[in-house]
Amino acid sequence: ADYSDWRLPTINELYSIGDRDKPLDDVAIKDAFAFSDTSTSWSSTEKSDNTDEAYGVEFSLGRDKINAKTDDKSYRCVRDIP
């Protein structure tokens, strides 16, 4: 996408694109941010007592999830707009 400053979002940034008005059996994500695999996305927020694990948002269930960083999950990168 012609930029080199992409990063993983924080857990709060991921939650901000969630859509709590959608039913949980649907992918609870705002339509403007939905594309391809939107079920679970990693965040940059590590678990405080175990830095080998990080939080993600499981949009299909509307909740956060803790996974080992070595687990195979989707990424939804963001960048700061100056």
N, C-alpha and C. Protein backbone atom coordinates (compact mmCIF):
# COMPACT_ATOMS: atom_id res chain seq x y z
N ALA A 1 0.83 -1.20 0.00
CA ALA A 1 0.00 0.00 0.00
C ALA A 1 0.87 1.25 0.00
N ASP A 2 2.09 1.13 -0.47
CA ASP A 2 3.00 2.27 -0.66
C ASP A 2 3.38 3.01 0.62
N TYR A 3 3.25 2.38 1.76
CA TYR A 3 3.68 2.97 3.02
C TYR A 3 4.54 1.96 3.76
N SER A 4 5.44 2.44 4.57
CA SER A 4 6.31 1.53 5.32
C SER A 4 6.13 1.67 6.83
N ASP A 5 5.08 2.36 7.25
CA ASP A 5 4.88 2.60 8.69
C ASP A 5 3.68 1.86 9.26
N TRP A 6 3.32 0.72 8.66
CA TRP A 6 2.23 -0.09 9.16
C TRP A 6 2.62 -0.73 10.48
N ARG A 7 1.63 -0.95 11.35
CA ARG A 7 1.87 -1.59 12.65
C ARG A 7 0.63 -2.36 13.06
N LEU A 8 0.79 -3.22 14.05
CA LEU A 8 -0.37 -3.90 14.61
C LEU A 8 -1.14 -2.92 15.50
N PRO A 9 -2.45 -2.95 15.46
CA PRO A 9 -3.23 -2.06 16.33
C PRO A 9 -3.21 -2.55 17.78
N THR A 10 -3.49 -1.66 18.69
CA THR A 10 -3.67 -2.06 20.08
C THR A 10 -5.01 -2.76 20.22
N ILE A 11 -5.23 -3.40 21.34
CA ILE A 11 -6.51 -4.07 21.57
C ILE A 11 -7.66 -3.05 21.55
N ASN A 12 -7.44 -1.85 22.07
CA ASN A 12 -8.49 -0.82 22.07
C ASN A 12 -8.80 -0.34 20.65
N GLU A 13 -7.78 -0.25 19.80
CA GLU A 13 -8.02 0.15 18.41
C GLU A 13 -8.84 -0.92 17.69
N LEU A 14 -8.55 -2.20 17.96
CA LEU A 14 -9.34 -3.25 17.33
C LEU A 14 -10.79 -3.21 17.80
N TYR A 15 -10.98 -3.00 19.09
CA TYR A 15 -12.35 -2.91 19.61
C TYR A 15 -13.12 -1.75 18.98
N SER A 16 -12.43 -0.69 18.61
CA SER A 16 -13.11 0.49 18.07
C SER A 16 -13.74 0.23 16.70
N ILE A 17 -13.34 -0.83 16.00
CA ILE A 17 -13.95 -1.13 14.71
C ILE A 17 -15.04 -2.19 14.83
N GLY A 18 -15.28 -2.66 16.03
CA GLY A 18 -16.35 -3.62 16.25
C GLY A 18 -17.71 -2.96 16.12
N ASP A 19 -18.71 -3.76 15.80
CA ASP A 19 -20.08 -3.28 15.66
C ASP A 19 -20.97 -4.07 16.60
N ARG A 20 -21.28 -3.48 17.75
CA ARG A 20 -22.06 -4.18 18.77
C ARG A 20 -23.54 -4.31 18.40
N ASP A 21 -23.96 -3.66 17.32
CA ASP A 21 -25.35 -3.77 16.88
C ASP A 21 -25.58 -5.00 16.00
N LYS A 22 -24.52 -5.62 15.55
CA LYS A 22 -24.66 -6.82 14.72
C LYS A 22 -24.83 -8.04 15.63
N PRO A 23 -25.58 -9.02 15.16
CA PRO A 23 -25.71 -10.26 15.96
C PRO A 23 -24.37 -10.98 16.04
N LEU A 24 -24.15 -11.66 17.15
CA LEU A 24 -22.85 -12.30 17.37
C LEU A 24 -22.59 -13.47 16.43
N ASP A 25 -23.63 -14.04 15.82
CA ASP A 25 -23.37 -15.12 14.88
C ASP A 25 -22.90 -14.58 13.53
N ASP A 26 -23.00 -13.27 13.35
CA ASP A 26 -22.44 -12.59 12.19
C ASP A 26 -21.06 -12.09 12.61
N VAL A 27 -20.26 -11.61 11.67
CA VAL A 27 -18.98 -11.03 12.04
C VAL A 27 -19.26 -9.61 12.54
N ALA A 28 -19.07 -9.40 13.82
CA ALA A 28 -19.44 -8.13 14.45
C ALA A 28 -18.36 -7.08 14.24
N ILE A 29 -18.27 -6.62 13.00
CA ILE A 29 -17.28 -5.60 12.65
C ILE A 29 -17.96 -4.57 11.76
N LYS A 30 -17.60 -3.32 11.91
CA LYS A 30 -18.20 -2.27 11.09
C LYS A 30 -17.92 -2.55 9.62
N ASP A 31 -18.94 -2.36 8.79
CA ASP A 31 -18.84 -2.70 7.37
C ASP A 31 -17.65 -2.04 6.67
N ALA A 32 -17.30 -0.84 7.05
CA ALA A 32 -16.21 -0.13 6.39
C ALA A 32 -14.86 -0.81 6.62
N PHE A 33 -14.77 -1.66 7.64
CA PHE A 33 -13.51 -2.31 7.98
C PHE A 33 -13.52 -3.80 7.67
N ALA A 34 -14.62 -4.31 7.15
CA ALA A 34 -14.74 -5.74 6.88
C ALA A 34 -14.14 -6.08 5.52
N PHE A 35 -13.27 -7.05 5.51
CA PHE A 35 -12.73 -7.59 4.27
C PHE A 35 -12.15 -8.96 4.54
N SER A 36 -12.12 -9.79 3.56
CA SER A 36 -11.66 -11.18 3.59
C SER A 36 -11.86 -11.81 4.96
N ASP A 37 -10.81 -12.28 5.60
CA ASP A 37 -10.95 -12.99 6.88
C ASP A 37 -11.04 -11.98 8.01
N THR A 38 -12.25 -11.78 8.51
CA THR A 38 -12.44 -10.80 9.59
C THR A 38 -12.82 -11.48 10.90
N SER A 39 -12.64 -12.78 10.99
CA SER A 39 -13.09 -13.47 12.19
C SER A 39 -12.27 -13.12 13.44
N THR A 40 -10.96 -13.22 13.37
CA THR A 40 -10.10 -12.92 14.51
C THR A 40 -8.89 -12.14 14.02
N SER A 41 -8.52 -11.11 14.74
CA SER A 41 -7.34 -10.32 14.38
C SER A 41 -6.45 -10.14 15.60
N TRP A 42 -5.16 -10.20 15.40
CA TRP A 42 -4.18 -9.96 16.45
C TRP A 42 -4.10 -8.49 16.82
N SER A 43 -3.64 -8.21 18.02
CA SER A 43 -3.30 -6.84 18.41
C SER A 43 -1.85 -6.84 18.86
N SER A 44 -1.34 -5.66 19.12
CA SER A 44 0.03 -5.53 19.63
C SER A 44 0.07 -5.59 21.15
N THR A 45 -1.09 -5.72 21.77
CA THR A 45 -1.18 -5.73 23.24
C THR A 45 -0.83 -7.10 23.78
N GLU A 46 0.31 -7.16 24.48
CA GLU A 46 0.75 -8.41 25.07
C GLU A 46 0.07 -8.64 26.41
N LYS A 47 -0.02 -9.88 26.79
CA LYS A 47 -0.53 -10.23 28.12
C LYS A 47 0.51 -9.79 29.14
N SER A 48 0.07 -9.11 30.18
CA SER A 48 1.02 -8.50 31.12
C SER A 48 1.89 -9.52 31.85
N ASP A 49 1.36 -10.69 32.13
CA ASP A 49 2.14 -11.67 32.89
C ASP A 49 2.78 -12.75 32.02
N ASN A 50 2.64 -12.62 30.68
CA ASN A 50 3.25 -13.59 29.79
C ASN A 50 3.42 -12.95 28.41
N THR A 51 4.59 -12.44 28.13
CA THR A 51 4.82 -11.72 26.87
C THR A 51 4.91 -12.66 25.66
N ASP A 52 4.78 -13.97 25.88
CA ASP A 52 4.70 -14.91 24.76
C ASP A 52 3.27 -15.00 24.22
N GLU A 53 2.35 -14.29 24.89
CA GLU A 53 0.95 -14.28 24.47
C GLU A 53 0.50 -12.86 24.19
N ALA A 54 -0.48 -12.73 23.29
CA ALA A 54 -1.00 -11.41 22.94
C ALA A 54 -2.52 -11.50 22.80
N TYR A 55 -3.16 -10.35 22.93
CA TYR A 55 -4.62 -10.28 22.78
C TYR A 55 -4.99 -10.12 21.32
N GLY A 56 -6.14 -10.65 21.01
CA GLY A 56 -6.74 -10.45 19.71
C GLY A 56 -8.22 -10.22 19.93
N VAL A 57 -8.94 -9.86 18.88
CA VAL A 57 -10.38 -9.72 18.96
C VAL A 57 -11.00 -10.77 18.05
N GLU A 58 -11.88 -11.55 18.62
CA GLU A 58 -12.62 -12.55 17.87
C GLU A 58 -13.96 -11.92 17.51
N PHE A 59 -14.01 -11.30 16.33
CA PHE A 59 -15.17 -10.51 15.93
C PHE A 59 -16.43 -11.34 15.79
N SER A 60 -16.30 -12.61 15.45
CA SER A 60 -17.49 -13.45 15.31
C SER A 60 -18.16 -13.74 16.64
N LEU A 61 -17.44 -13.57 17.74
CA LEU A 61 -18.01 -13.77 19.07
C LEU A 61 -18.09 -12.48 19.88
N GLY A 62 -17.52 -11.40 19.36
CA GLY A 62 -17.57 -10.12 20.04
C GLY A 62 -16.79 -10.07 21.33
N ARG A 63 -15.63 -10.71 21.35
CA ARG A 63 -14.83 -10.74 22.59
C ARG A 63 -13.34 -10.77 22.26
N ASP A 64 -12.56 -10.49 23.29
CA ASP A 64 -11.12 -10.61 23.09
C ASP A 64 -10.71 -12.06 23.34
N LYS A 65 -9.53 -12.37 22.86
CA LYS A 65 -9.01 -13.72 22.97
C LYS A 65 -7.51 -13.63 23.17
N ILE A 66 -6.97 -14.45 24.02
CA ILE A 66 -5.53 -14.50 24.26
C ILE A 66 -4.97 -15.72 23.54
N ASN A 67 -3.93 -15.49 22.76
CA ASN A 67 -3.31 -16.58 22.02
C ASN A 67 -1.80 -16.49 22.15
N ALA A 68 -1.16 -17.63 21.96
CA ALA A 68 0.29 -17.64 21.88
C ALA A 68 0.69 -16.87 20.61
N LYS A 69 1.75 -16.11 20.67
CA LYS A 69 2.18 -15.33 19.51
C LYS A 69 2.55 -16.23 18.33
N THR A 70 2.81 -17.48 18.59
CA THR A 70 3.17 -18.41 17.51
C THR A 70 1.94 -18.99 16.81
N ASP A 71 0.72 -18.74 17.34
CA ASP A 71 -0.51 -19.22 16.70
C ASP A 71 -0.72 -18.53 15.36
N ASP A 72 -1.34 -19.22 14.46
CA ASP A 72 -1.63 -18.69 13.13
C ASP A 72 -2.94 -17.92 13.15
N LYS A 73 -2.86 -16.60 13.14
CA LYS A 73 -4.05 -15.73 13.17
C LYS A 73 -3.89 -14.65 12.12
N SER A 74 -4.99 -13.96 11.84
CA SER A 74 -4.99 -12.88 10.86
C SER A 74 -4.47 -11.60 11.49
N TYR A 75 -3.95 -10.74 10.63
CA TYR A 75 -3.46 -9.44 11.05
C TYR A 75 -4.27 -8.36 10.34
N ARG A 76 -4.54 -7.32 11.02
CA ARG A 76 -5.23 -6.14 10.44
C ARG A 76 -4.36 -4.95 10.83
N CYS A 77 -3.47 -4.58 9.94
CA CYS A 77 -2.51 -3.52 10.25
C CYS A 77 -3.13 -2.14 10.10
N VAL A 78 -2.57 -1.20 10.84
CA VAL A 78 -3.02 0.19 10.81
C VAL A 78 -1.80 1.08 10.68
N ARG A 79 -2.06 2.33 10.38
CA ARG A 79 -0.96 3.33 10.38
C ARG A 79 -1.51 4.61 10.90
N ASP A 80 -0.65 5.38 11.52
CA ASP A 80 -1.03 6.70 12.05
C ASP A 80 -1.03 7.69 10.92
N ILE A 81 -2.07 8.49 10.85
CA ILE A 81 -2.16 9.52 9.82
C ILE A 81 -1.64 10.82 10.42
N PRO A 82 -0.62 11.39 9.79
CA PRO A 82 -0.01 12.61 10.37
C PRO A 82 -0.96 13.79 10.36
